[in-house]
Amino acid sequence: MHDLVSELTCEVDVIRDFFDPTEQEHVMLIDVATLRKAEKLIDSCEGCNQEGAEIPFDNILDRVTASDPCVTDFVLEAPAKCPQCRR
């Protein structure tokens, strides 16, 4: 029982940290319109080009939103899809 309580406490702390960012962290909701702009910058994904997919999607979101990559996390309103394979 003690292990379960410790595990749940840890999960709550992670959730609290995510939803209660410090002053140095920013959580940004990415709406569908912004998501579609970012998708247009995707050349391929690991699903359709395992060797060539090099840029993480959060880097693309940083560029599209002009966010600081060191302090910004993103929550997507809808799943992003690769324009090549639609995965």
Protein backbone atom coordinates (compact mmCIF):
# COMPACT_ATOMS: atom_id res chain seq x y z
CA MET A 1 0.00 0.00 0.00
CA HIS A 2 2.86 2.38 0.86
CA ASP A 3 4.37 1.89 -2.63
CA LEU A 4 1.03 2.74 -4.25
CA VAL A 5 0.69 5.92 -2.18
CA SER A 6 4.25 6.95 -3.06
CA GLU A 7 3.63 6.28 -6.75
CA LEU A 8 0.37 8.26 -6.76
CA THR A 9 2.01 11.12 -4.86
CA CYS A 10 4.78 11.24 -7.46
CA GLU A 11 2.22 11.29 -10.31
CA VAL A 12 0.30 14.12 -8.63
CA ASP A 13 3.53 16.10 -8.24
CA VAL A 14 4.29 15.66 -11.96
CA ILE A 15 0.79 16.77 -12.91
CA ARG A 16 0.97 19.73 -10.50
CA ASP A 17 4.37 20.74 -11.93
CA PHE A 18 2.93 20.61 -15.46
CA PHE A 19 -0.23 22.57 -14.70
CA ASP A 20 1.36 24.97 -12.21
CA PRO A 21 4.45 26.11 -14.09
CA THR A 22 7.01 28.23 -12.30
CA GLU A 23 7.58 31.82 -13.37
CA GLN A 24 10.29 30.54 -15.70
CA GLU A 25 8.06 28.00 -17.45
CA HIS A 26 5.31 28.71 -19.93
CA VAL A 27 2.63 26.26 -21.04
CA MET A 28 1.05 27.30 -24.33
CA LEU A 29 -2.16 25.89 -25.80
CA ILE A 30 -1.72 25.34 -29.53
CA ASP A 31 -5.02 25.85 -31.33
CA VAL A 32 -5.91 24.05 -34.55
CA ALA A 33 -5.04 27.03 -36.79
CA THR A 34 -1.53 27.31 -35.31
CA LEU A 35 -1.16 23.54 -35.46
CA ARG A 36 -1.95 23.54 -39.20
CA LYS A 37 0.69 26.26 -39.80
CA ALA A 38 3.25 24.13 -37.98
CA GLU A 39 2.25 20.99 -39.90
CA LYS A 40 3.03 22.76 -43.17
CA LEU A 41 6.66 23.01 -42.02
CA ILE A 42 6.99 19.25 -41.53
CA ASP A 43 8.98 17.61 -44.33
CA SER A 44 8.50 14.09 -42.98
CA CYS A 45 8.17 12.17 -39.73
CA GLU A 46 9.86 9.13 -38.21
CA GLY A 47 6.95 7.04 -39.48
CA CYS A 48 7.56 7.76 -43.16
CA ASN A 49 11.25 8.75 -43.12
CA GLN A 50 12.98 7.11 -40.18
CA GLU A 51 16.48 8.20 -41.20
CA GLY A 52 15.66 11.71 -42.40
CA ALA A 53 13.29 13.03 -39.71
CA GLU A 54 15.61 15.19 -37.63
CA ILE A 55 13.71 18.21 -36.31
CA PRO A 56 11.50 17.63 -33.25
CA PHE A 57 7.97 18.99 -33.59
CA ASP A 58 8.37 21.20 -30.52
CA ASN A 59 11.18 23.02 -32.37
CA ILE A 60 8.73 23.74 -35.19
CA LEU A 61 6.16 24.98 -32.66
CA ASP A 62 8.80 27.23 -31.08
CA ARG A 63 9.43 28.77 -34.50
CA VAL A 64 5.74 29.18 -35.41
CA THR A 65 4.83 30.73 -32.03
CA ALA A 66 8.10 32.66 -31.57
CA SER A 67 8.46 30.99 -28.17
CA ASP A 68 11.57 30.51 -26.10
CA PRO A 69 12.41 26.80 -26.36
CA CYS A 70 14.09 26.82 -22.95
CA VAL A 71 10.94 27.70 -21.03
CA THR A 72 7.94 26.76 -23.21
CA ASP A 73 5.92 23.55 -23.24
CA PHE A 74 2.99 22.94 -25.54
CA VAL A 75 -0.47 21.43 -25.17
CA LEU A 76 -2.07 20.62 -28.53
CA GLU A 77 -5.79 21.16 -29.07
CA ALA A 78 -5.73 18.33 -31.63
CA PRO A 79 -3.15 15.74 -32.69
CA ALA A 80 -0.56 16.89 -35.22
CA LYS A 81 -0.20 14.90 -38.45
CA CYS A 82 2.63 14.54 -40.90
CA PRO A 83 1.58 16.03 -44.26
CA GLN A 84 3.33 13.16 -46.10
CA CYS A 85 1.85 10.08 -44.43
CA ARG A 86 -0.94 11.68 -42.29
CA ARG A 87 0.25 9.80 -39.19
